[in-house]
Structure formats: structure tokens, C-alpha cells
Protein backbone atom coordinates (compact mmCIF):
# COMPACT_ATOMS: atom_id res chain seq x y z
CA MET A 1 -0.01 -0.06 0.07
CA GLY A 2 1.33 3.42 -0.96
CA LEU A 3 1.81 6.36 1.31
CA LEU A 4 -1.33 8.24 -0.06
CA ASP A 5 -3.57 5.18 0.59
CA ARG A 6 -3.71 6.00 4.27
CA PHE A 7 -5.88 9.01 3.27
CA ARG A 8 -8.35 6.65 1.75
CA PRO A 9 -9.64 3.39 3.17
CA PRO A 10 -10.36 0.35 0.80
CA ARG A 11 -13.89 0.25 -0.79
CA ALA A 12 -16.57 -1.62 1.24
CA PRO A 13 -18.20 -4.59 -0.22
CA SER A 14 -21.33 -3.75 -2.38
CA VAL A 15 -24.38 -2.94 -0.51
CA PRO A 16 -27.61 -1.16 -1.31
CA VAL A 17 -26.98 2.43 -2.10
CA VAL A 18 -28.29 5.04 0.28
CA GLY A 19 -28.61 8.37 -1.28
CA THR A 20 -30.96 10.61 -3.29
CA ARG A 21 -32.83 9.47 -6.34
CA LEU A 22 -32.20 11.83 -9.22
CA GLY A 23 -34.43 11.75 -12.22
CA ILE A 24 -36.66 13.40 -14.80
CA ASP A 25 -40.44 13.30 -15.25
CA GLY A 26 -40.11 10.52 -17.62
CA GLY A 27 -38.52 8.34 -15.17
CA PHE A 28 -34.70 8.17 -15.67
CA CYS A 29 -33.16 7.69 -12.19
CA ALA A 30 -29.95 7.37 -10.66
CA VAL A 31 -28.97 7.36 -7.08
CA VAL A 32 -26.42 9.86 -5.80
CA ASP A 33 -24.78 9.28 -2.43
CA GLY A 34 -23.55 11.56 0.29
CA SER A 35 -20.20 11.77 -1.55
CA ALA A 36 -21.83 12.84 -4.97
CA VAL A 37 -20.98 9.51 -6.41
CA VAL A 38 -23.51 8.43 -9.23
CA HIS A 39 -24.83 5.06 -8.98
CA LEU A 40 -26.72 4.20 -12.22
CA LEU A 41 -29.81 1.86 -11.37
CA ASP A 42 -29.98 -0.02 -14.73
CA ARG A 43 -26.07 -0.73 -14.78
CA PRO A 44 -23.67 -1.92 -12.08
CA LEU A 45 -21.66 1.44 -12.47
CA ARG A 46 -20.45 3.98 -10.07
CA VAL A 47 -19.06 7.33 -11.41
CA GLY A 48 -17.25 9.61 -8.92
CA TRP A 49 -14.52 12.26 -8.64
CA TRP A 50 -11.41 12.73 -6.83
CA ILE A 51 -9.42 16.10 -6.38
CA GLY A 52 -5.64 16.44 -6.64
CA ALA A 53 -4.76 19.56 -4.59
CA ASP A 54 -1.41 21.04 -3.68
CA ASP A 55 -0.94 18.89 -0.65
CA ARG A 56 -2.53 15.41 -1.72
CA TRP A 57 -5.39 13.72 -3.41
CA TYR A 58 -8.84 13.84 -2.01
CA ASP A 59 -11.63 11.18 -2.35
CA PRO A 60 -15.10 12.61 -1.04
CA SER A 61 -16.27 9.15 -0.33
CA ALA A 62 -13.35 8.89 2.29
CA GLU A 63 -13.17 12.39 3.59
CA ARG A 64 -14.83 13.76 6.76
CA ALA A 65 -15.04 17.22 5.53
CA VAL A 66 -17.95 16.68 3.06
CA ARG A 67 -21.29 18.41 3.47
CA GLN A 68 -24.22 17.70 1.21
CA THR A 69 -27.45 19.89 1.10
CA ARG A 70 -30.40 20.01 -1.07
CA PRO A 71 -31.38 23.67 -1.44
CA GLY A 72 -34.87 23.14 -2.42
CA PRO A 73 -37.64 20.57 -3.28
CA ALA A 74 -36.15 19.89 -6.79
CA PRO A 75 -33.74 16.91 -6.78
CA VAL A 76 -30.69 19.07 -6.98
CA LEU A 77 -27.92 18.53 -4.66
CA GLU A 78 -25.01 20.52 -3.62
CA THR A 79 -21.94 18.70 -2.13
CA ARG A 80 -18.96 20.54 -0.63
CA LEU A 81 -15.48 18.90 -0.32
CA ARG A 82 -13.05 20.89 1.85
CA VAL A 83 -9.55 20.82 0.47
CA ALA A 84 -6.57 22.87 1.12
CA GLY A 85 -7.35 26.28 0.58
CA GLY A 86 -11.10 26.08 0.02
CA ASP A 87 -14.07 24.09 -1.31
CA ILE A 88 -14.71 22.16 -4.29
CA VAL A 89 -18.48 22.29 -4.93
CA ALA A 90 -20.27 19.48 -6.95
CA THR A 91 -23.79 20.50 -7.96
CA THR A 92 -25.71 17.44 -9.18
CA TRP A 93 -28.96 17.08 -10.95
CA ALA A 94 -30.77 15.11 -13.69
CA ALA A 95 -32.03 16.52 -17.02
CA ILE A 96 -32.74 15.84 -20.74
CA GLY A 97 -30.10 17.12 -23.19
CA ASP A 98 -29.35 15.00 -26.15
CA GLY A 99 -30.79 12.19 -23.88
CA PRO A 100 -31.65 11.75 -20.07
CA ALA A 101 -28.67 11.97 -17.77
CA VAL A 102 -27.24 13.04 -14.37
CA VAL A 103 -25.10 16.25 -14.72
CA VAL A 104 -22.28 17.11 -12.14
CA GLU A 105 -20.75 20.34 -12.08
CA LEU A 106 -17.62 20.91 -10.24
CA ALA A 107 -16.67 24.42 -9.23
CA ASN A 108 -13.29 25.21 -7.81
CA GLU A 109 -13.68 27.67 -5.02
CA THR A 110 -9.99 27.60 -3.95
CA PRO A 111 -7.44 29.99 -5.06
CA VAL A 112 -5.24 27.56 -6.85
CA PRO A 113 -5.70 25.13 -9.70
CA VAL A 114 -6.60 21.50 -9.04
CA ALA A 115 -6.73 18.21 -10.78
CA VAL A 116 -9.96 16.36 -11.09
CA ALA A 117 -10.07 12.72 -11.89
CA ILE A 118 -13.46 11.50 -13.03
CA THR A 119 -13.65 7.88 -12.07
CA VAL A 120 -15.75 4.85 -13.29
CA ASP A 121 -15.88 1.50 -11.61
CA GLY A 122 -18.28 -1.19 -10.45
CA ASP A 123 -18.94 -4.50 -12.08
CA VAL A 124 -16.85 -3.59 -15.16
CA ARG A 125 -15.37 -6.12 -17.44
CA GLY A 126 -14.13 -3.89 -20.09
CA ILE A 127 -13.19 -0.23 -20.05
CA ALA A 128 -11.92 2.14 -22.78
CA VAL A 129 -11.41 5.84 -23.59
CA ASP A 130 -13.30 7.24 -26.46
CA GLY A 131 -12.54 11.00 -26.87
CA ARG A 132 -13.90 12.83 -23.77
CA ARG A 133 -15.90 9.73 -22.88
CA LEU A 134 -15.26 6.64 -20.80
CA LEU A 135 -16.71 3.43 -22.07
CA ALA A 136 -17.79 0.66 -19.74
CA ASP A 137 -18.55 -2.74 -21.28
CA GLY A 138 -19.24 -1.08 -24.65
CA GLY A 139 -21.65 1.53 -23.27
CA VAL A 140 -21.04 5.19 -22.42
CA ALA A 141 -20.30 5.60 -18.49
CA CYS A 142 -19.64 9.26 -18.61
CA ALA A 143 -18.49 12.32 -20.78
CA VAL A 144 -16.54 15.41 -19.61
CA ASP A 145 -17.03 18.84 -21.16
CA ARG A 146 -13.28 19.13 -22.23
CA ASP A 147 -10.39 17.08 -23.12
CA ALA A 148 -8.56 15.19 -20.42
CA GLY A 149 -4.87 15.80 -19.81
CA ARG A 150 -4.13 12.23 -18.53
CA PHE A 151 -5.74 8.84 -18.45
CA ALA A 152 -5.64 5.74 -16.16
CA LEU A 153 -7.29 2.36 -16.94
CA VAL A 154 -6.76 -0.72 -14.70
CA ASP A 155 -7.77 -4.23 -14.95
CA GLY A 156 -8.06 -4.94 -11.26
CA SER A 157 -4.52 -6.20 -10.84
CA THR A 158 -3.55 -2.72 -9.72
CA ASP A 159 -5.81 -0.20 -7.81
CA LEU A 160 -6.98 2.91 -9.64
CA TRP A 161 -6.60 5.22 -6.66
CA SER A 162 -2.91 4.10 -6.44
CA VAL A 163 -2.35 4.58 -10.20
CA VAL A 164 -3.84 8.12 -10.20
CA THR A 165 -2.46 9.20 -6.90
CA GLY A 166 1.03 7.73 -7.43
CA GLY A 167 1.55 9.44 -10.69
CA GLY A 168 0.81 6.41 -13.01
CA ALA A 169 -1.68 8.31 -15.19
CA VAL A 170 -0.44 8.66 -18.76
CA GLU A 171 -0.79 11.37 -21.31
CA ALA A 172 -1.38 9.20 -24.35
CA VAL A 173 -4.71 7.62 -24.78
CA PRO A 174 -4.30 3.99 -23.56
CA GLY A 175 -5.81 0.93 -25.23
CA PRO A 176 -8.93 -0.86 -23.85
CA VAL A 177 -8.58 -2.82 -20.80
CA SER A 178 -10.51 -5.85 -19.63
CA SER A 179 -11.05 -7.85 -16.58
CA ARG A 180 -12.73 -11.34 -16.40
CA ASP A 181 -13.92 -10.63 -12.70
CA GLY A 182 -15.44 -7.26 -13.41
CA LYS A 183 -12.72 -5.07 -11.61
CA ALA A 184 -11.87 -2.89 -14.69
CA ALA A 185 -11.90 0.82 -13.72
CA GLY A 186 -10.84 3.99 -15.26
CA ALA A 187 -10.23 7.69 -14.76
CA LEU A 188 -10.29 10.76 -16.92
CA ILE A 189 -7.92 13.42 -15.32
CA VAL A 190 -8.81 16.96 -16.09
CA PRO A 191 -7.29 20.37 -14.88
CA LEU A 192 -9.67 22.76 -13.22
CA LEU A 193 -8.38 26.41 -12.79
CA HIS A 194 -9.29 28.25 -9.71
CA ARG A 195 -12.65 29.99 -9.80
CA GLN A 196 -13.72 27.89 -12.77
CA SER A 197 -15.97 24.83 -13.31
CA LEU A 198 -16.46 21.88 -15.38
CA ARG A 199 -19.12 19.29 -16.02
CA PHE A 200 -19.49 15.81 -16.61
CA VAL A 201 -22.53 13.69 -17.65
CA VAL A 202 -23.54 10.37 -16.57
CA PRO A 203 -23.92 8.16 -18.60
CA GLY A 204 -23.05 10.58 -21.25
CA GLY A 205 -23.87 13.23 -23.69
CA ASP A 206 -22.90 16.82 -24.71
CA ALA A 207 -22.79 18.65 -21.56
CA SER A 208 -23.60 22.02 -22.99
CA LEU A 209 -26.95 20.78 -24.08
CA PHE A 210 -28.35 20.16 -20.76
CA PRO A 211 -30.28 22.89 -18.61
CA GLY A 212 -28.65 24.19 -15.48
CA PRO A 213 -29.84 23.48 -12.00
CA ASP A 214 -31.89 26.70 -11.78
CA ARG A 215 -34.02 25.69 -14.90
CA VAL A 216 -34.55 22.27 -13.52
CA ALA A 217 -35.57 23.53 -10.10
CA SER A 218 -38.08 25.83 -11.77
CA GLY A 219 -39.40 22.93 -13.97
CA TRP A 220 -39.98 20.87 -10.93
CA ALA A 221 -41.77 23.76 -9.18
CA THR A 222 -44.15 24.13 -12.22
CA ARG A 223 -44.64 20.32 -12.11
CA LEU A 224 -46.16 20.64 -8.51
CA GLU A 225 -48.34 23.64 -9.16
CA GLN A 226 -51.51 21.27 -9.35
CA ALA A 227 -50.59 19.66 -6.02
CA ALA A 228 -52.27 20.61 -2.63
CA ARG A 229 -50.44 23.55 -0.86
CA VAL A 230 -49.90 24.14 2.75
CA GLU A 231 -48.49 26.76 4.94
CA ILE A 232 -48.27 25.83 8.68
CA PRO A 233 -45.98 27.18 11.49
CA ASP A 234 -43.42 24.40 11.14
CA GLU A 235 -40.64 25.06 8.67
CA SER A 236 -39.52 21.42 8.30
CA LEU A 237 -43.13 20.21 7.69
CA ASN A 238 -43.79 22.88 5.03
CA ALA A 239 -40.60 22.02 3.25
CA SER A 240 -41.36 18.13 3.66
CA VAL A 241 -44.40 18.46 1.10
CA PRO A 242 -42.89 19.60 -2.11
CA THR A 243 -39.78 17.73 -1.32
CA GLY A 244 -41.68 14.64 -0.53
CA LEU A 245 -43.78 14.92 -3.46
CA VAL A 246 -40.71 15.10 -5.87
CA ASP A 247 -39.10 12.10 -4.12
CA LEU A 248 -42.55 10.03 -4.50
CA LEU A 249 -42.57 11.04 -8.38
CA LEU A 250 -39.05 9.48 -8.68
CA ALA A 251 -39.66 6.58 -6.24
CA GLU A 252 -40.05 2.95 -7.21
CA PRO A 253 -43.82 2.68 -7.97
CA THR A 254 -45.81 1.07 -5.05
CA PRO A 255 -49.31 1.28 -3.85
CA ASP A 256 -48.49 3.49 -0.96
CA VAL A 257 -46.60 5.92 -3.36
CA ALA A 258 -49.55 6.14 -5.68
CA VAL A 259 -51.97 6.84 -2.87
CA GLN A 260 -49.85 9.59 -1.33
CA LEU A 261 -49.44 11.24 -4.76
CA ALA A 262 -53.32 11.17 -5.04
CA ALA A 263 -53.78 12.49 -1.44
CA TRP A 264 -51.95 15.53 -2.37
CA GLY A 265 -53.68 16.15 -5.79
CA LEU A 266 -51.43 14.41 -8.21
CA LEU A 267 -54.11 11.92 -9.33
CA ARG A 268 -52.99 11.59 -12.86
CA ASP A 269 -49.73 10.35 -11.59
CA ALA A 270 -51.28 8.01 -9.18
CA VAL A 271 -53.58 6.37 -11.71
CA ASP A 272 -50.65 5.96 -14.27
CA ARG A 273 -48.81 4.05 -11.64
CA ILE A 274 -51.74 1.74 -10.90
CA ALA A 275 -52.35 1.02 -14.43
CA ALA A 276 -48.71 0.34 -15.37
CA HIS A 277 -47.98 -1.88 -12.22
CA HIS A 278 -51.39 -3.38 -11.03
CA GLN A 279 -50.19 -7.04 -11.85
CA ASP A 280 -47.15 -6.73 -9.46
CA ASP A 281 -49.22 -6.50 -6.34
CA PRO A 282 -52.78 -6.97 -7.13
CA ALA A 283 -54.33 -6.70 -3.58
CA GLY A 284 -52.03 -3.61 -2.90
CA TRP A 285 -52.93 -1.94 -6.19
CA LEU A 286 -56.58 -2.62 -5.60
CA ARG A 287 -56.43 -0.99 -2.02
CA ALA A 288 -54.58 1.96 -3.78
CA ALA A 289 -57.29 2.33 -6.41
CA ALA A 290 -60.10 2.24 -3.94
CA THR A 291 -58.53 4.89 -1.84
CA CYS A 292 -57.71 7.10 -4.87
CA TRP A 293 -61.32 6.93 -5.93
CA GLY A 294 -62.55 7.71 -2.47
CA LEU A 295 -60.51 10.89 -2.43
CA HIS A 296 -61.27 12.24 -5.85
CA ARG A 297 -64.53 10.58 -7.37
CA ARG A 298 -64.00 12.11 -10.84
CA PRO A 299 -64.73 9.33 -13.17
CA GLY A 300 -63.07 11.13 -16.16
CA ALA A 301 -59.69 10.88 -14.29
CA PHE A 302 -60.11 7.17 -13.94
CA VAL A 303 -60.46 6.20 -17.54
CA ASP A 304 -57.25 4.65 -17.83
CA LEU A 305 -57.68 2.59 -14.70
CA PRO A 306 -57.96 -1.22 -15.46
CA LEU A 307 -60.90 -1.57 -13.11
CA GLU A 308 -62.17 -5.05 -14.06
CA ALA A 309 -58.60 -6.51 -13.95
CA LEU A 310 -57.96 -5.08 -10.60
CA VAL A 311 -61.22 -6.27 -9.07
CA ASN A 312 -60.96 -9.89 -10.47
CA SER A 313 -57.37 -10.17 -9.25
CA GLY A 314 -58.42 -8.98 -5.89
CA ILE A 315 -61.38 -11.19 -5.58
CA ALA A 316 -59.19 -14.07 -6.75
CA SER A 317 -56.99 -13.42 -3.80
CA ALA A 318 -59.92 -13.10 -1.54
CA SER A 319 -58.19 -10.44 0.57
CA GLU A 320 -59.85 -7.03 -0.38
CA PRO A 321 -63.55 -7.10 -0.39
CA GLY A 322 -63.66 -3.61 1.33
CA ALA A 323 -61.74 -2.17 -1.48
CA VAL A 324 -64.04 -3.60 -4.06
CA ALA A 325 -66.95 -2.12 -2.22
CA ARG A 326 -65.31 1.39 -2.15
CA LEU A 327 -65.35 1.14 -6.07
CA ALA A 328 -68.85 0.66 -6.37
CA GLY A 329 -69.35 4.29 -7.27
CA LEU A 330 -66.99 3.98 -10.09
CA PHE A 331 -68.53 0.95 -11.50
CA ALA A 332 -71.89 3.04 -11.48
CA ALA A 333 -70.17 6.04 -13.05
CA ARG A 334 -68.96 3.65 -15.86
CA GLY A 335 -72.62 2.33 -16.43
CA ASP A 336 -72.10 -1.08 -14.92
CA ALA A 337 -74.98 -1.11 -12.68
CA ARG A 338 -74.71 -4.84 -11.84
CA ALA A 339 -71.13 -4.56 -10.93
CA ALA A 340 -71.86 -1.63 -8.79
CA ALA A 341 -74.66 -3.49 -7.01
CA ASP A 342 -72.53 -6.59 -6.32
CA ALA A 343 -69.85 -4.44 -5.14
CA ALA A 344 -71.94 -2.58 -2.65
CA THR A 345 -72.87 -5.75 -0.98
CA LEU A 346 -69.30 -6.32 -0.02
CA THR A 347 -67.74 -5.18 3.38
CA GLY A 348 -64.41 -5.18 5.04
CA PRO A 349 -61.69 -2.90 6.10
CA VAL A 350 -59.28 -1.26 3.92
CA ALA A 351 -55.81 -0.61 5.49
CA ASP A 352 -54.43 2.85 5.30
CA PRO A 353 -51.22 3.48 3.23
CA GLN A 354 -47.97 4.18 5.08
CA GLY A 355 -46.03 7.34 4.56
CA SER A 356 -45.14 10.54 6.22
CA LEU A 357 -47.22 12.51 3.43
CA TRP A 358 -50.20 10.49 4.19
CA ASP A 359 -49.74 11.10 7.98
CA LEU A 360 -49.66 14.71 7.38
CA THR A 361 -52.98 14.76 5.49
CA ARG A 362 -54.50 13.08 8.53
CA ARG A 363 -53.06 15.84 10.73
CA LEU A 364 -54.53 18.43 8.57
CA ALA A 365 -58.17 16.79 8.09
CA ALA A 366 -58.87 13.16 9.40
CA PRO A 367 -62.13 11.56 8.52
CA LEU A 368 -64.26 11.27 11.72
CA GLY A 369 -67.75 9.70 11.42
CA ASP A 370 -69.68 11.82 8.99
CA GLY A 371 -67.19 14.43 8.81
CA LEU A 372 -63.62 15.77 9.01
CA ALA A 373 -61.71 16.77 12.10
CA LEU A 374 -59.32 19.52 11.12
CA LEU A 375 -56.12 20.07 13.17
CA GLY A 376 -56.78 17.28 15.62
CA GLU A 377 -53.61 18.26 17.48
CA VAL A 378 -52.13 21.70 17.51
CA PRO A 379 -48.82 22.36 19.21
CA ALA A 380 -48.76 25.34 21.63
CA SER A 381 -46.04 26.81 19.38
CA TRP A 382 -48.60 27.21 16.69
CA TYR A 383 -50.63 29.58 18.56
CA GLY A 384 -50.79 33.12 17.23
CA GLN A 385 -49.61 31.68 13.90
CA PRO A 386 -51.55 31.45 10.67
CA VAL A 387 -52.27 28.22 8.90
CA ASP A 388 -53.33 27.72 5.27
CA VAL A 389 -54.39 24.60 3.42
CA HIS A 390 -55.57 24.74 -0.21
CA GLY A 391 -57.10 22.02 -2.50
CA LEU A 392 -56.60 19.13 -0.14
CA PRO A 393 -58.40 15.93 -1.32
CA THR A 394 -60.47 14.21 1.41
CA VAL A 395 -63.13 11.35 1.25
CA HIS A 396 -65.78 14.13 1.51
CA GLY A 397 -64.32 16.46 -1.14
CA THR A 398 -61.71 18.95 -1.78
CA LEU A 399 -60.93 21.10 1.19
CA SER A 400 -59.30 24.52 1.80
CA TYR A 401 -59.14 26.24 5.21
CA GLY A 402 -57.23 29.01 6.91
CA ILE A 403 -56.54 29.81 10.61
CA ARG A 404 -56.15 33.53 11.65
CA TRP A 405 -55.79 34.85 15.09
CA HIS A 406 -57.59 37.77 16.90
CA GLY A 407 -55.66 38.03 20.10
CA GLU A 408 -55.98 34.69 21.84
CA ARG A 409 -58.90 33.46 19.85
CA PRO A 410 -58.41 31.69 16.40
CA ALA A 411 -60.79 32.20 13.50
CA LEU A 412 -61.50 29.61 10.83
CA LEU A 413 -62.33 30.27 7.26
CA TRP A 414 -63.13 27.14 5.21
CA GLU A 415 -64.54 25.94 1.81
CA LEU A 416 -65.44 22.20 1.09
CA GLU A 417 -66.07 21.27 -2.52
CA ARG A 418 -68.12 18.23 -1.48
CA HIS A 419 -68.28 14.94 -3.49
CA ASP A 420 -72.04 14.94 -3.16
CA ASP A 421 -75.09 16.69 -1.45
CA HIS A 422 -74.71 14.90 1.88
CA PRO A 423 -73.75 17.08 4.81
CA VAL A 424 -70.31 16.99 6.15
CA ARG A 425 -69.55 17.94 9.68
CA LEU A 426 -66.45 19.90 10.32
CA THR A 427 -64.70 20.13 13.58
CA VAL A 428 -61.53 21.66 14.94
CA PRO A 429 -60.62 19.42 18.11
CA GLY A 430 -57.14 20.83 18.47
CA LEU A 431 -58.25 24.40 18.81
CA ASP A 432 -62.00 24.42 19.91
CA PRO A 433 -63.43 21.05 20.67
CA ASP A 434 -67.00 22.37 20.96
CA PHE A 435 -67.04 23.90 17.49
CA SER A 436 -68.94 22.04 14.56
CA THR A 437 -70.59 23.17 11.40
CA THR A 438 -72.15 21.38 8.44
CA GLU A 439 -71.86 24.46 6.24
CA PRO A 440 -69.75 23.98 3.17
CA THR A 441 -68.31 27.38 3.26
CA GLY A 442 -67.99 29.94 6.03
CA GLU A 443 -66.02 31.65 8.71
CA ALA A 444 -66.25 31.49 12.61
CA LEU A 445 -64.33 32.81 15.53
CA LEU A 446 -63.39 29.95 17.76
CA ALA A 447 -62.97 29.66 21.53
CA SER A 448 -59.44 30.45 22.92
CA PRO A 449 -57.44 27.30 23.22
CA PRO A 450 -56.89 26.48 26.81
CA ARG A 451 -53.15 27.17 26.77
CA ALA A 452 -53.54 30.20 24.87
CA THR A 453 -54.47 32.32 27.81
CA ALA A 454 -51.14 31.81 29.53
CA ALA A 455 -49.41 33.71 26.84
CA PRO A 456 -51.72 35.57 24.58
CA PRO A 457 -50.42 35.85 21.03
CA PRO A 458 -50.29 39.42 19.28
CA GLU A 459 -53.38 40.73 17.41
CA SER A 460 -52.85 39.44 13.82
CA GLY A 461 -55.39 41.76 12.15
CA SER A 462 -58.50 41.07 10.25
CA PHE A 463 -59.43 37.59 9.30
CA SER A 464 -59.88 37.60 5.53
């Protein structure tokens, strides 16, 4: 082992990657770990980067001075590596240029030039250089936006880190390297001047064609405009909604994922997932379909739902009669009166989905008997602070409401677009256990919460 190897421990055995899924609306995904290493999901490849500074080489996956943040809801990551003299900043996002890919932009915030080694390893049996690209097993693994100054390819008999950090990289383009046991690896080494940046793209493409992170963030914000919105006196909970919805859109499709998307207004995405994957877990997807219908009840939005296939597979499994019963209204809306009548005779519980965004909807508006309980629990820290909920799907209709304060007394403004003409009782047990109403719209001044009198909040102005 060389002297420089003491700064970088050996790679651990392969384990499931922990990190952030990056992708586009069309579904391309890779996982980026806490060191800004890109792990492709459809190929056993890792694409990372090392920094050669004045004092030594740095591998983010082995350094303690690495900080990663996600500045907003969009799947855009900022990873900072502290090296001698300052930070190297890796901004990572997914986009479509001349194809879908993950883009990594490295900015040198130090006052001196550094060397950047863009590395490829994994289960690789053959690796080669093709211009500004590294090819792994014949396919493009990554492409850099400029010419490399040096190259390093290994077949597993030597370690890539040792070759690069020990000065073994060569200036001439090397020939392809193969490894029977999948230990081939390679690096393109590129100079990066101070206060400048470079890009590399995984699995490849022309880096100049990809939109930057600001445009990507703006696109995701537009993507979420149709979702329900909340403003509550808890910054982390507020941020968890758009961030969580983006993560759900990029997550592996499961029934719980679909239901949570529908619960926040993204019904089209939920139905698409049910239609595409209902054969994977018939009972689970049947429950998801029933819950989505209960929240929305708009037949036109369920045109692509394979209702008969779902119900037949669910009955065959003899596990979800309650879910079939919930779908009676959809059968009726499709003109199948017999199926609707048969479904209505069934009974049984339907399990709630699991997920933090589903739990939050229940904090904001939980079904209770013939109505909805808004804000079942309200922390004392919320007293005196406004609450706004807009366009939240519920089993009784789409709900919007706000809380404003008049001294120590909260006021409620609400609007419920009911699914039907049946009265819906609204209560606010976390603020005023004695209040209830069946009016679909209105406003009311509630009683003072018990603990509000201990520390009266300031007057917040008129409730409007």
C-alpha cells in the first residue's frame, strides 16, 4: 500500500446504495450518495470524482469534511468537499439534453488550480477511452465537457486510486482494458483552474445541451403547481411536502406511493402507476385504486384505470372485499349497474397506506364519522400563527381552510367542495373541541385554546 493510501480506506463490499434518487419526469433515475458519487440503477456502475490539490489527493467518499445539502424541493444536490485552501463544490441534477442523464458540475472555489479525476468502476469487465468519454462494457459511462490531460485504466490487478495518486496516469490515450472478474476501472484526469467549473455527464452526452440546475428547479416547481399546498407554523413540515412529492414521483412505484400522490392532488400520476404496475401486487394496487377513488370521485380521471382486472385479481386473492366495495361508485359511473350493486354488498376494512405525507394529511383533515376533524392536535408553538391549506383531497371532497388569530382567539375560514350533497360535519378539536358546522363554506371565531390564555399571541389583524 502506498503512502497516499492511508488517506483513503479500501472500498467496502457492495451494499444497497443510500442516497437521493435523481431523475426526470419520464422516469430516468440514478442514486447519488452523500459523496456525490452517481450510481446508475440499470447498470452496475459508479461514477465519481477525486481532487488532486497542492497537498494530496482527496476522495469525497473517504473524507470527513464533506457536506451535502438539497437547497430546495427539486432533486438538485450541492456537495462541498473541503480541500487545502477552500471548497470544491459539486452540484448534481438530472435533466434531458441529447438524452436523459445526471449532470455533475464541479466548481473550484479554492485560490489555486486542482486536478479532477472523473472515475468509473463497479462490475466492469471492459473499459476504454473514447475521446472525452469513458466506455464501460461497450456503453458510455460518462462524458466530460473538455479534453482530459491524463488517463488511467486498470484491470483489477492494480488499484485505480494508487495509479492516479501515485503518478501512474499517462498522457497518451491508452488502449482498452479488460477484466474477467469485473474489476476494470478508469479515470479521466482534467485540470480545473481556480474560480472555474467543469461538467461531466452520466451516462454521457454533450454537457452544453443540458439545462442548468436553476431551470431544473423551476421545472419541478411548475410540475407541482397542481398539488395541494399548505403553510403551517413548522418550517420542516412545510418543506417536507414539495420535497416529499418530488421524491415520490421519482420513487419505485408502489401502492403507498400512488395513494400519497393522489392524497396531495397528483391523481394523474397515481392512476398512471396503478395502470402500469397493477399486476405486481394485485391486492395492494386494488386498495390503492379504492383509496384514490374515495379521495377524488372524478370518473374522467380514472378512464385509464384497469378496473375489471384489478377487481378480478383482488377477488381471486380473497383479500380485499372492502376495497371492491369502495369502488362501487366507479362501476356505477362507468354504467355497470350490476357490478356496482354486487360491489356494494361487500364489506371489509381497507388498510391505510404508510408514508409521512399520508400522515400529514391526517393531521390536517382526518375522517371522523360523517365529517372531518381539522387540526386534531395543535402544538402550543402554533398559537398565534396562521395556517393555510389549499386544495386538499379528502373522502368528503376538496378542502381549503385557513386559521387567523384575533388576540388569543383563532378564527376559521373554510371551503369544502363536496363530492355529493350529503352534509359533512367539520370540527377543529385541536383548537376548539366544542365547534362544529355542516356548512360547506363559512368563517367562525373559535374559542380560545386552553393554553392560549397563558401567553396571549399578538393581534394578527382582520381575518380575510
